[in-house]
Amino acid sequence: MRIVGGRLRGLGLAPVGKGDAERHLRPTADRVRESLFNLLAHGNSGDPVRGAQVLDLFAGTGALGLEALSRGASFVTFIDNGRVARKLIAANILRAKAEAETRVLHRDATRPGPADSPPATLVFLDPPYGRNLGEKALSAALSGGWIAPAALVVWEERGEQPAPEGFRLRDARRYGETCLTFLQPLSPR
C-alpha cells in the first residue's frame, strides 16, 4: 500500500501483516483510492479535498485520511477503536511526518461522543462490510456535531448503501467488490 497522489505520492504505508481478522481490517485498495480521489478532484462541485477538515471513521490503516492530506486537506481526525488499526495509523502518520496535521482518537466510530473540534467537511466511512455499522456511525457523528452541514460523505461498503435518515444520496460507484456511496447531510429545516 502506498499514497497514490499529491505531495506524499509514492509514500509506502506500514504493512498490514496479519491485520486484525476479528475487526475485519481491510484497507482500501490503491486502485480504488486513486479512482475515488480522481473523481473528487474532477467532480462538478469543485475539489472537496483541498482545505478540508477530514473525519476518517473506522480509519483502519489511515490510508484514506492520509491520501486526503497528501492532496491538500488541512487536517484529519482518525477514529478507530481497534488496537492493530491504531498502531498502523500511528506508524503511517509518522511515515508521512503528519503529526501536526492529524489526530487519532481511540473511540468506537458508532459512538464518537460530542465533537471537540471543527466539523468535518469531508468524511470517509469504511466500516467492516456487512455488519450494519455505517448507518449507526453516521447518525452518531451527525448528532454529535462531527459533520458540517454541507459535508461530503464517502461510504465504502460491499454494495451501494441507501441514504440514512438525515442524509441524501448524491452518487454511487462500483469498483469490483467495493462500492462507494456519496452522501450529503440534509439541510436543516
Protein backbone atom coordinates (compact mmCIF):
# COMPACT_ATOMS: atom_id res chain seq x y z
CA MET A 1 0.00 0.00 0.00
CA ARG A 2 1.13 3.48 -0.82
CA ILE A 3 -0.12 7.04 -1.16
CA VAL A 4 -1.10 7.37 -4.83
CA GLY A 5 -1.23 11.14 -5.36
CA GLY A 6 -0.31 14.58 -4.06
CA ARG A 7 2.70 15.74 -2.07
CA LEU A 8 3.17 12.32 -0.40
CA ARG A 9 2.79 10.36 -3.65
CA GLY A 10 4.65 7.07 -3.54
CA LEU A 11 4.98 7.01 0.27
CA GLY A 12 4.83 3.38 1.36
CA LEU A 13 2.42 2.70 4.20
CA ALA A 14 3.05 0.31 7.08
CA PRO A 15 2.36 -3.29 6.09
CA VAL A 16 -0.87 -4.68 7.46
CA GLY A 17 0.76 -8.03 8.20
CA LYS A 18 -1.76 -10.41 9.71
CA GLY A 19 -4.13 -7.48 10.21
CA ASP A 20 -6.99 -7.90 12.63
CA ALA A 21 -9.43 -10.51 11.34
CA GLU A 22 -11.81 -10.00 14.27
CA ARG A 23 -12.28 -6.34 13.36
CA HIS A 24 -12.32 -7.02 9.60
CA LEU A 25 -9.33 -4.74 8.93
CA ARG A 26 -9.47 -4.36 5.16
CA PRO A 27 -7.50 -1.46 3.65
CA THR A 28 -8.97 0.36 0.66
CA ALA A 29 -7.08 -0.84 -2.41
CA ASP A 30 -4.70 1.65 -4.06
CA ARG A 31 -6.70 1.41 -7.31
CA VAL A 32 -9.98 2.27 -5.55
CA ARG A 33 -8.36 5.15 -3.64
CA GLU A 34 -6.87 6.54 -6.85
CA SER A 35 -10.25 6.34 -8.62
CA LEU A 36 -12.02 7.94 -5.64
CA PHE A 37 -9.65 10.90 -5.40
CA ASN A 38 -9.63 11.45 -9.16
CA LEU A 39 -13.43 11.52 -9.05
CA LEU A 40 -13.39 14.00 -6.16
CA ALA A 41 -10.83 16.27 -7.84
CA HIS A 42 -12.70 16.39 -11.14
CA GLY A 43 -16.31 16.44 -9.89
CA ASN A 44 -18.90 19.04 -10.79
CA SER A 45 -18.81 20.79 -7.42
CA GLY A 46 -15.11 21.62 -7.22
CA ASP A 47 -12.47 19.80 -5.22
CA PRO A 48 -13.87 18.91 -1.77
CA VAL A 49 -10.43 17.72 -0.60
CA ARG A 50 -8.39 20.93 -0.81
CA GLY A 51 -8.53 22.68 2.57
CA ALA A 52 -10.91 20.08 4.01
CA GLN A 53 -11.36 19.15 7.64
CA VAL A 54 -11.46 15.36 7.28
CA LEU A 55 -13.07 12.78 9.54
CA ASP A 56 -11.94 9.20 8.88
CA LEU A 57 -14.35 6.82 10.66
CA PHE A 58 -13.29 3.17 11.04
CA ALA A 59 -9.92 4.53 9.90
CA GLY A 60 -8.14 1.16 9.72
CA THR A 61 -4.67 1.99 8.33
CA GLY A 62 -5.46 5.68 7.88
CA ALA A 63 -4.82 5.44 4.13
CA LEU A 64 -7.93 7.42 3.11
CA GLY A 65 -7.25 10.28 5.52
CA LEU A 66 -3.56 10.42 4.65
CA GLU A 67 -4.37 10.38 0.93
CA ALA A 68 -6.64 13.38 1.53
CA LEU A 69 -3.88 15.14 3.47
CA SER A 70 -1.45 14.44 0.63
CA ARG A 71 -3.89 16.04 -1.80
CA GLY A 72 -4.44 19.25 0.14
CA ALA A 73 -6.73 18.59 3.12
CA SER A 74 -5.85 20.80 6.07
CA PHE A 75 -6.46 18.38 8.96
CA VAL A 76 -7.53 14.76 9.54
CA THR A 77 -9.15 13.19 12.60
CA PHE A 78 -8.91 9.40 12.61
CA ILE A 79 -11.37 7.40 14.72
CA ASP A 80 -10.87 3.69 15.35
CA ASN A 81 -11.01 1.54 18.46
CA GLY A 82 -9.00 -1.39 17.12
CA ARG A 83 -5.59 -1.87 18.74
CA VAL A 84 -3.95 -3.05 15.50
CA ALA A 85 -5.57 -0.25 13.50
CA ARG A 86 -4.38 2.45 15.89
CA LYS A 87 -0.81 1.13 15.69
CA LEU A 88 -0.97 1.17 11.89
CA ILE A 89 -2.42 4.68 11.80
CA ALA A 90 0.27 5.96 14.19
CA ALA A 91 3.03 4.33 12.12
CA ASN A 92 1.63 5.81 8.91
CA ILE A 93 1.33 9.28 10.42
CA LEU A 94 5.00 9.06 11.41
CA ARG A 95 6.00 7.91 7.91
CA ALA A 96 4.10 10.87 6.46
CA LYS A 97 5.57 13.28 9.04
CA ALA A 98 1.99 14.47 9.58
CA GLU A 99 1.78 14.63 13.38
CA ALA A 100 0.84 18.34 13.35
CA GLU A 101 -1.96 17.84 10.80
CA THR A 102 -3.63 14.79 12.34
CA ARG A 103 -5.02 13.27 15.48
CA VAL A 104 -6.07 9.74 16.34
CA LEU A 105 -8.99 9.11 18.68
CA HIS A 106 -9.48 5.75 20.39
CA ARG A 107 -13.26 5.65 20.13
CA ASP A 108 -15.98 3.43 18.79
CA ALA A 109 -16.97 5.02 15.47
CA THR A 110 -20.63 4.27 16.23
CA ARG A 111 -20.34 6.28 19.49
CA PRO A 112 -17.80 9.07 18.95
CA GLY A 113 -19.42 11.38 21.52
CA PRO A 114 -19.72 15.15 21.05
CA ALA A 115 -17.27 16.80 18.67
CA ASP A 116 -14.45 18.74 20.25
CA SER A 117 -13.13 20.23 17.01
CA PRO A 118 -14.49 22.00 13.92
CA PRO A 119 -16.97 19.81 11.99
CA ALA A 120 -15.64 17.78 9.08
CA THR A 121 -16.27 18.95 5.53
CA LEU A 122 -15.19 15.56 4.14
CA VAL A 123 -16.00 12.26 5.84
CA PHE A 124 -14.67 8.82 4.98
CA LEU A 125 -16.67 5.91 6.34
CA ASP A 126 -15.20 2.43 5.86
CA PRO A 127 -16.93 0.08 8.33
CA PRO A 128 -16.46 -3.68 8.31
CA TYR A 129 -18.54 -4.95 5.40
CA GLY A 130 -21.96 -6.39 6.10
CA ARG A 131 -22.16 -5.58 9.83
CA ASN A 132 -24.63 -2.66 9.62
CA LEU A 133 -22.31 -0.24 11.41
CA GLY A 134 -22.16 2.55 8.84
CA GLU A 135 -25.62 3.98 9.45
CA LYS A 136 -25.06 3.97 13.22
CA ALA A 137 -21.72 5.75 12.83
CA LEU A 138 -23.14 8.42 10.51
CA SER A 139 -26.10 9.07 12.78
CA ALA A 140 -23.87 9.40 15.85
CA ALA A 141 -21.36 11.63 14.03
CA LEU A 142 -24.10 13.89 12.70
CA SER A 143 -25.88 14.25 16.06
CA GLY A 144 -22.52 14.74 17.82
CA GLY A 145 -21.62 17.71 15.62
CA TRP A 146 -18.76 15.98 13.79
CA ILE A 147 -20.20 16.61 10.29
CA ALA A 148 -20.56 20.07 8.73
CA PRO A 149 -23.92 20.93 7.07
CA ALA A 150 -22.51 20.87 3.52
CA ALA A 151 -20.06 17.99 4.07
CA LEU A 152 -19.44 15.23 1.57
CA VAL A 153 -19.56 11.68 2.96
CA VAL A 154 -17.88 8.80 1.14
CA TRP A 155 -19.12 5.43 2.43
CA GLU A 156 -17.23 2.31 1.36
CA GLU A 157 -19.13 -0.99 1.54
CA ARG A 158 -19.69 -4.15 -0.44
CA GLY A 159 -22.81 -2.69 -2.10
CA GLU A 160 -24.49 0.68 -2.60
CA GLN A 161 -25.95 1.98 0.65
CA PRO A 162 -29.30 3.75 0.97
CA ALA A 163 -29.15 7.25 2.39
CA PRO A 164 -29.74 7.02 6.14
CA GLU A 165 -32.01 9.46 7.95
CA GLY A 166 -30.53 12.96 7.82
CA PHE A 167 -28.64 12.38 4.55
CA ARG A 168 -29.31 12.43 0.82
CA LEU A 169 -27.73 10.24 -1.84
CA ARG A 170 -25.52 12.06 -4.35
CA ASP A 171 -23.93 9.22 -6.29
CA ALA A 172 -22.64 5.65 -6.09
CA ARG A 173 -19.79 3.96 -7.95
CA ARG A 174 -18.72 0.33 -8.05
CA TYR A 175 -15.08 -0.83 -8.27
CA GLY A 176 -15.04 -4.62 -8.33
CA GLU A 177 -16.42 -5.81 -4.97
CA THR A 178 -16.22 -2.30 -3.49
CA CYS A 179 -18.99 0.26 -3.77
CA LEU A 180 -18.54 3.93 -2.88
CA THR A 181 -21.73 5.72 -1.89
CA PHE A 182 -21.60 9.52 -1.80
CA LEU A 183 -23.92 11.33 0.62
CA GLN A 184 -24.58 14.81 1.97
CA PRO A 185 -26.40 15.87 5.11
CA LEU A 186 -29.89 17.20 4.53
CA SER A 187 -30.22 20.93 5.06
CA PRO A 188 -31.64 21.80 8.45
CA ARG A 189 -35.22 22.98 8.13
